Amino acid sequence: MFEMIKMFGHTDIKVLKEEKGADGSTVLSVEGVDSDKKKSTGQVTIVKEGAAWKIGKESWTTKS
């Protein structure tokens, strides 16, 4: 799953926190390094479809 996130420009991804969403999804608080080599934090929502986990939504903020 994190390979897909890396395709969008983030590497060295670490999960900081995991929460269950009201709709059955899982919300991950993550940190990583963006394509400009700056640290960033984000939230990634993952959903289970059948037997597979898929990324539903992700948002990132670059740390200054």
PDB file of N, CA and C in Angstrom:
ATOM      1  N   MET A   1       0.813  -1.183   0.000  1.00  0.00           N
ATOM      2  CA  MET A   1       0.000   0.000   0.000  1.00  0.00           C
ATOM      3  C   MET A   1       0.865   1.259   0.000  1.00  0.00           C
ATOM      4  N   PHE A   2       1.945   1.252   0.781  1.00  0.00           N
ATOM      5  CA  PHE A   2       2.786   2.432   0.841  1.00  0.00           C
ATOM      6  C   PHE A   2       3.556   2.646  -0.455  1.00  0.00           C
ATOM      7  N   GLU A   3       3.675   1.611  -1.272  1.00  0.00           N
ATOM      8  CA  GLU A   3       4.296   1.777  -2.576  1.00  0.00           C
ATOM      9  C   GLU A   3       3.484   2.760  -3.416  1.00  0.00           C
ATOM     10  N   MET A   4       2.160   2.724  -3.285  1.00  0.00           N
ATOM     11  CA  MET A   4       1.313   3.644  -4.023  1.00  0.00           C
ATOM     12  C   MET A   4       1.539   5.078  -3.544  1.00  0.00           C
ATOM     13  N   ILE A   5       1.667   5.268  -2.230  1.00  0.00           N
ATOM     14  CA  ILE A   5       1.924   6.605  -1.695  1.00  0.00           C
ATOM     15  C   ILE A   5       3.270   7.108  -2.201  1.00  0.00           C
ATOM     16  N   LYS A   6       4.248   6.241  -2.253  1.00  0.00           N
ATOM     17  CA  LYS A   6       5.572   6.627  -2.738  1.00  0.00           C
ATOM     18  C   LYS A   6       5.515   7.076  -4.194  1.00  0.00           C
ATOM     19  N   MET A   7       4.609   6.514  -4.973  1.00  0.00           N
ATOM     20  CA  MET A   7       4.473   6.913  -6.367  1.00  0.00           C
ATOM     21  C   MET A   7       4.044   8.375  -6.476  1.00  0.00           C
ATOM     22  N   PHE A   8       3.365   8.893  -5.450  1.00  0.00           N
ATOM     23  CA  PHE A   8       2.915  10.281  -5.453  1.00  0.00           C
ATOM     24  C   PHE A   8       3.946  11.218  -4.842  1.00  0.00           C
ATOM     25  N   GLY A   9       5.162  10.721  -4.565  1.00  0.00           N
ATOM     26  CA  GLY A   9       6.239  11.593  -4.180  1.00  0.00           C
ATOM     27  C   GLY A   9       6.683  11.559  -2.738  1.00  0.00           C
ATOM     28  N   HIS A  10       6.190  10.660  -1.913  1.00  0.00           N
ATOM     29  CA  HIS A  10       6.607  10.593  -0.514  1.00  0.00           C
ATOM     30  C   HIS A  10       7.388   9.306  -0.246  1.00  0.00           C
ATOM     31  N   THR A  11       8.450   9.446   0.543  1.00  0.00           N
ATOM     32  CA  THR A  11       9.276   8.299   0.916  1.00  0.00           C
ATOM     33  C   THR A  11       9.479   8.310   2.427  1.00  0.00           C
ATOM     34  N   ASP A  12      10.153   7.303   2.949  1.00  0.00           N
ATOM     35  CA  ASP A  12      10.432   7.178   4.385  1.00  0.00           C
ATOM     36  C   ASP A  12       9.166   7.367   5.217  1.00  0.00           C
ATOM     37  N   ILE A  13       8.102   6.719   4.812  1.00  0.00           N
ATOM     38  CA  ILE A  13       6.802   6.884   5.454  1.00  0.00           C
ATOM     39  C   ILE A  13       6.736   6.078   6.748  1.00  0.00           C
ATOM     40  N   LYS A  14       6.302   6.752   7.821  1.00  0.00           N
ATOM     41  CA  LYS A  14       6.132   6.110   9.126  1.00  0.00           C
ATOM     42  C   LYS A  14       4.727   6.379   9.629  1.00  0.00           C
ATOM     43  N   VAL A  15       4.067   5.344  10.130  1.00  0.00           N
ATOM     44  CA  VAL A  15       2.740   5.497  10.719  1.00  0.00           C
ATOM     45  C   VAL A  15       2.918   5.934  12.164  1.00  0.00           C
ATOM     46  N   LEU A  16       2.303   7.068  12.510  1.00  0.00           N
ATOM     47  CA  LEU A  16       2.394   7.605  13.865  1.00  0.00           C
ATOM     48  C   LEU A  16       1.198   7.210  14.725  1.00  0.00           C
ATOM     49  N   LYS A  17       0.030   7.092  14.085  1.00  0.00           N
ATOM     50  CA  LYS A  17      -1.202   6.822  14.834  1.00  0.00           C
ATOM     51  C   LYS A  17      -2.211   6.177  13.897  1.00  0.00           C
ATOM     52  N   GLU A  18      -3.046   5.322  14.460  1.00  0.00           N
ATOM     53  CA  GLU A  18      -4.083   4.640  13.688  1.00  0.00           C
ATOM     54  C   GLU A  18      -5.404   4.798  14.418  1.00  0.00           C
ATOM     55  N   GLU A  19      -6.447   5.236  13.701  1.00  0.00           N
ATOM     56  CA  GLU A  19      -7.769   5.415  14.292  1.00  0.00           C
ATOM     57  C   GLU A  19      -8.818   4.788  13.383  1.00  0.00           C
ATOM     58  N   LYS A  20      -9.863   4.266  13.990  1.00  0.00           N
ATOM     59  CA  LYS A  20     -10.984   3.737  13.218  1.00  0.00           C
ATOM     60  C   LYS A  20     -11.905   4.879  12.833  1.00  0.00           C
ATOM     61  N   GLY A  21     -12.285   4.933  11.560  1.00  0.00           N
ATOM     62  CA  GLY A  21     -13.236   5.929  11.092  1.00  0.00           C
ATOM     63  C   GLY A  21     -14.655   5.480  11.373  1.00  0.00           C
ATOM     64  N   ALA A  22     -15.585   6.426  11.412  1.00  0.00           N
ATOM     65  CA  ALA A  22     -16.986   6.124  11.704  1.00  0.00           C
ATOM     66  C   ALA A  22     -17.610   5.222  10.635  1.00  0.00           C
ATOM     67  N   ASP A  23     -17.059   5.273   9.429  1.00  0.00           N
ATOM     68  CA  ASP A  23     -17.617   4.489   8.319  1.00  0.00           C
ATOM     69  C   ASP A  23     -16.940   3.137   8.130  1.00  0.00           C
ATOM     70  N   GLY A  24     -16.107   2.738   9.101  1.00  0.00           N
ATOM     71  CA  GLY A  24     -15.422   1.456   9.001  1.00  0.00           C
ATOM     72  C   GLY A  24     -14.043   1.549   8.375  1.00  0.00           C
ATOM     73  N   SER A  25     -13.662   2.738   7.931  1.00  0.00           N
ATOM     74  CA  SER A  25     -12.333   2.931   7.361  1.00  0.00           C
ATOM     75  C   SER A  25     -11.309   3.031   8.492  1.00  0.00           C
ATOM     76  N   THR A  26     -10.044   3.110   8.128  1.00  0.00           N
ATOM     77  CA  THR A  26      -8.964   3.333   9.086  1.00  0.00           C
ATOM     78  C   THR A  26      -8.217   4.581   8.648  1.00  0.00           C
ATOM     79  N   VAL A  27      -8.010   5.506   9.595  1.00  0.00           N
ATOM     80  CA  VAL A  27      -7.306   6.749   9.309  1.00  0.00           C
ATOM     81  C   VAL A  27      -5.920   6.653   9.931  1.00  0.00           C
ATOM     82  N   LEU A  28      -4.898   6.797   9.097  1.00  0.00           N
ATOM     83  CA  LEU A  28      -3.520   6.733   9.556  1.00  0.00           C
ATOM     84  C   LEU A  28      -2.929   8.140   9.593  1.00  0.00           C
ATOM     85  N   SER A  29      -2.325   8.517  10.706  1.00  0.00           N
ATOM     86  CA  SER A  29      -1.519   9.733  10.774  1.00  0.00           C
ATOM     87  C   SER A  29      -0.098   9.302  10.453  1.00  0.00           C
ATOM     88  N   VAL A  30       0.505   9.940   9.464  1.00  0.00           N
ATOM     89  CA  VAL A  30       1.803   9.507   8.964  1.00  0.00           C
ATOM     90  C   VAL A  30       2.758  10.694   8.837  1.00  0.00           C
ATOM     91  N   GLU A  31       4.047  10.369   8.726  1.00  0.00           N
ATOM     92  CA  GLU A  31       5.041  11.375   8.379  1.00  0.00           C
ATOM     93  C   GLU A  31       5.951  10.770   7.329  1.00  0.00           C
ATOM     94  N   GLY A  32       6.552  11.636   6.540  1.00  0.00           N
ATOM     95  CA  GLY A  32       7.443  11.166   5.494  1.00  0.00           C
ATOM     96  C   GLY A  32       8.259  12.312   4.939  1.00  0.00           C
ATOM     97  N   VAL A  33       8.918  12.056   3.836  1.00  0.00           N
ATOM     98  CA  VAL A  33       9.733  13.047   3.158  1.00  0.00           C
ATOM     99  C   VAL A  33       9.150  13.225   1.759  1.00  0.00           C
ATOM    100  N   ASP A  34       8.878  14.489   1.395  1.00  0.00           N
ATOM    101  CA  ASP A  34       8.276  14.721   0.087  1.00  0.00           C
ATOM    102  C   ASP A  34       9.329  14.761  -1.021  1.00  0.00           C
ATOM    103  N   SER A  35       8.900  15.007  -2.232  1.00  0.00           N
ATOM    104  CA  SER A  35       9.809  14.977  -3.381  1.00  0.00           C
ATOM    105  C   SER A  35      10.855  16.084  -3.334  1.00  0.00           C
ATOM    106  N   ASP A  36      10.606  17.138  -2.544  1.00  0.00           N
ATOM    107  CA  ASP A  36      11.578  18.221  -2.358  1.00  0.00           C
ATOM    108  C   ASP A  36      12.496  17.961  -1.172  1.00  0.00           C
ATOM    109  N   LYS A  37      12.434  16.742  -0.619  1.00  0.00           N
ATOM    110  CA  LYS A  37      13.258  16.322   0.523  1.00  0.00           C
ATOM    111  C   LYS A  37      12.920  17.076   1.810  1.00  0.00           C
ATOM    112  N   LYS A  38      11.669  17.537   1.927  1.00  0.00           N
ATOM    113  CA  LYS A  38      11.203  18.211   3.139  1.00  0.00           C
ATOM    114  C   LYS A  38      10.316  17.271   3.925  1.00  0.00           C
ATOM    115  N   LYS A  39      10.414  17.338   5.258  1.00  0.00           N
ATOM    116  CA  LYS A  39       9.560  16.508   6.098  1.00  0.00           C
ATOM    117  C   LYS A  39       8.117  16.980   5.965  1.00  0.00           C
ATOM    118  N   SER A  40       7.218  16.030   5.938  1.00  0.00           N
ATOM    119  CA  SER A  40       5.807  16.363   5.859  1.00  0.00           C
ATOM    120  C   SER A  40       5.001  15.378   6.692  1.00  0.00           C
ATOM    121  N   THR A  41       3.823  15.824   7.093  1.00  0.00           N
ATOM    122  CA  THR A  41       2.904  14.968   7.837  1.00  0.00           C
ATOM    123  C   THR A  41       1.628  14.835   7.017  1.00  0.00           C
ATOM    124  N   GLY A  42       0.899  13.775   7.280  1.00  0.00           N
ATOM    125  CA  GLY A  42      -0.311  13.584   6.510  1.00  0.00           C
ATOM    126  C   GLY A  42      -1.295  12.653   7.171  1.00  0.00           C
ATOM    127  N   GLN A  43      -2.448  12.571   6.554  1.00  0.00           N
ATOM    128  CA  GLN A  43      -3.468  11.612   6.951  1.00  0.00           C
ATOM    129  C   GLN A  43      -3.827  10.802   5.722  1.00  0.00           C
ATOM    130  N   VAL A  44      -3.856   9.494   5.904  1.00  0.00           N
ATOM    131  CA  VAL A  44      -4.198   8.581   4.830  1.00  0.00           C
ATOM    132  C   VAL A  44      -5.367   7.733   5.306  1.00  0.00           C
ATOM    133  N   THR A  45      -6.455   7.763   4.558  1.00  0.00           N
ATOM    134  CA  THR A  45      -7.626   6.941   4.880  1.00  0.00           C
ATOM    135  C   THR A  45      -7.552   5.689   4.028  1.00  0.00           C
ATOM    136  N   ILE A  46      -7.632   4.544   4.680  1.00  0.00           N
ATOM    137  CA  ILE A  46      -7.638   3.286   3.944  1.00  0.00           C
ATOM    138  C   ILE A  46      -8.966   2.575   4.201  1.00  0.00           C
ATOM    139  N   VAL A  47      -9.445   1.890   3.188  1.00  0.00           N
ATOM    140  CA  VAL A  47     -10.716   1.174   3.272  1.00  0.00           C
ATOM    141  C   VAL A  47     -10.502  -0.262   2.810  1.00  0.00           C
ATOM    142  N   LYS A  48     -11.259  -1.153   3.389  1.00  0.00           N
ATOM    143  CA  LYS A  48     -11.157  -2.550   3.001  1.00  0.00           C
ATOM    144  C   LYS A  48     -12.253  -2.853   1.993  1.00  0.00           C
ATOM    145  N   GLU A  49     -11.833  -3.324   0.828  1.00  0.00           N
ATOM    146  CA  GLU A  49     -12.761  -3.731  -0.222  1.00  0.00           C
ATOM    147  C   GLU A  49     -12.528  -5.205  -0.487  1.00  0.00           C
ATOM    148  N   GLY A  50     -13.440  -6.022  -0.035  1.00  0.00           N
ATOM    149  CA  GLY A  50     -13.255  -7.466  -0.145  1.00  0.00           C
ATOM    150  C   GLY A  50     -12.124  -7.884   0.768  1.00  0.00           C
ATOM    151  N   ALA A  51     -11.103  -8.501   0.210  1.00  0.00           N
ATOM    152  CA  ALA A  51      -9.949  -8.942   1.001  1.00  0.00           C
ATOM    153  C   ALA A  51      -8.775  -7.971   0.917  1.00  0.00           C
ATOM    154  N   ALA A  52      -8.939  -6.871   0.152  1.00  0.00           N
ATOM    155  CA  ALA A  52      -7.819  -5.952  -0.077  1.00  0.00           C
ATOM    156  C   ALA A  52      -8.041  -4.608   0.606  1.00  0.00           C
ATOM    157  N   TRP A  53      -6.950  -4.005   1.077  1.00  0.00           N
ATOM    158  CA  TRP A  53      -6.968  -2.647   1.608  1.00  0.00           C
ATOM    159  C   TRP A  53      -6.613  -1.696   0.475  1.00  0.00           C
ATOM    160  N   LYS A  54      -7.356  -0.581   0.374  1.00  0.00           N
ATOM    161  CA  LYS A  54      -7.108   0.406  -0.669  1.00  0.00           C
ATOM    162  C   LYS A  54      -7.078   1.799  -0.057  1.00  0.00           C
ATOM    163  N   ILE A  55      -6.316   2.690  -0.685  1.00  0.00           N
ATOM    164  CA  ILE A  55      -6.248   4.067  -0.215  1.00  0.00           C
ATOM    165  C   ILE A  55      -7.511   4.788  -0.667  1.00  0.00           C
ATOM    166  N   GLY A  56      -8.221   5.366   0.292  1.00  0.00           N
ATOM    167  CA  GLY A  56      -9.426   6.112  -0.024  1.00  0.00           C
ATOM    168  C   GLY A  56      -9.129   7.583  -0.260  1.00  0.00           C
ATOM    169  N   LYS A  57      -8.296   8.166   0.629  1.00  0.00           N
ATOM    170  CA  LYS A  57      -7.987   9.595   0.547  1.00  0.00           C
ATOM    171  C   LYS A  57      -6.681   9.844   1.275  1.00  0.00           C
ATOM    172  N   GLU A  58      -5.932  10.823   0.823  1.00  0.00           N
ATOM    173  CA  GLU A  58      -4.718  11.207   1.533  1.00  0.00           C
ATOM    174  C   GLU A  58      -4.518  12.703   1.420  1.00  0.00           C
ATOM    175  N   SER A  59      -3.949  13.303   2.459  1.00  0.00           N
ATOM    176  CA  SER A  59      -3.616  14.728   2.449  1.00  0.00           C
ATOM    177  C   SER A  59      -2.311  14.918   3.204  1.00  0.00           C
ATOM    178  N   TRP A  60      -1.485  15.853   2.707  1.00  0.00           N
ATOM    179  CA  TRP A  60      -0.151  16.070   3.265  1.00  0.00           C
ATOM    180  C   TRP A  60       0.080  17.545   3.533  1.00  0.00           C
ATOM    181  N   THR A  61       0.876  17.845   4.571  1.00  0.00           N
ATOM    182  CA  THR A  61       1.283  19.198   4.897  1.00  0.00           C
ATOM    183  C   THR A  61       2.792  19.185   5.113  1.00  0.00           C
ATOM    184  N   THR A  62       3.495  20.099   4.455  1.00  0.00           N
ATOM    185  CA  THR A  62       4.947  20.176   4.608  1.00  0.00           C
ATOM    186  C   THR A  62       5.281  20.949   5.881  1.00  0.00           C
ATOM    187  N   LYS A  63       6.203  20.389   6.663  1.00  0.00           N
ATOM    188  CA  LYS A  63       6.656  21.065   7.870  1.00  0.00           C
ATOM    189  C   LYS A  63       7.631  22.165   7.483  1.00  0.00           C
ATOM    190  N   SER A  64       7.546  23.284   8.193  1.00  0.00           N
ATOM    191  CA  SER A  64       8.481  24.372   7.886  1.00  0.00           C
ATOM    192  C   SER A  64       9.634  24.400   8.851  1.00  0.00           C
TER     193      SER A  64
END
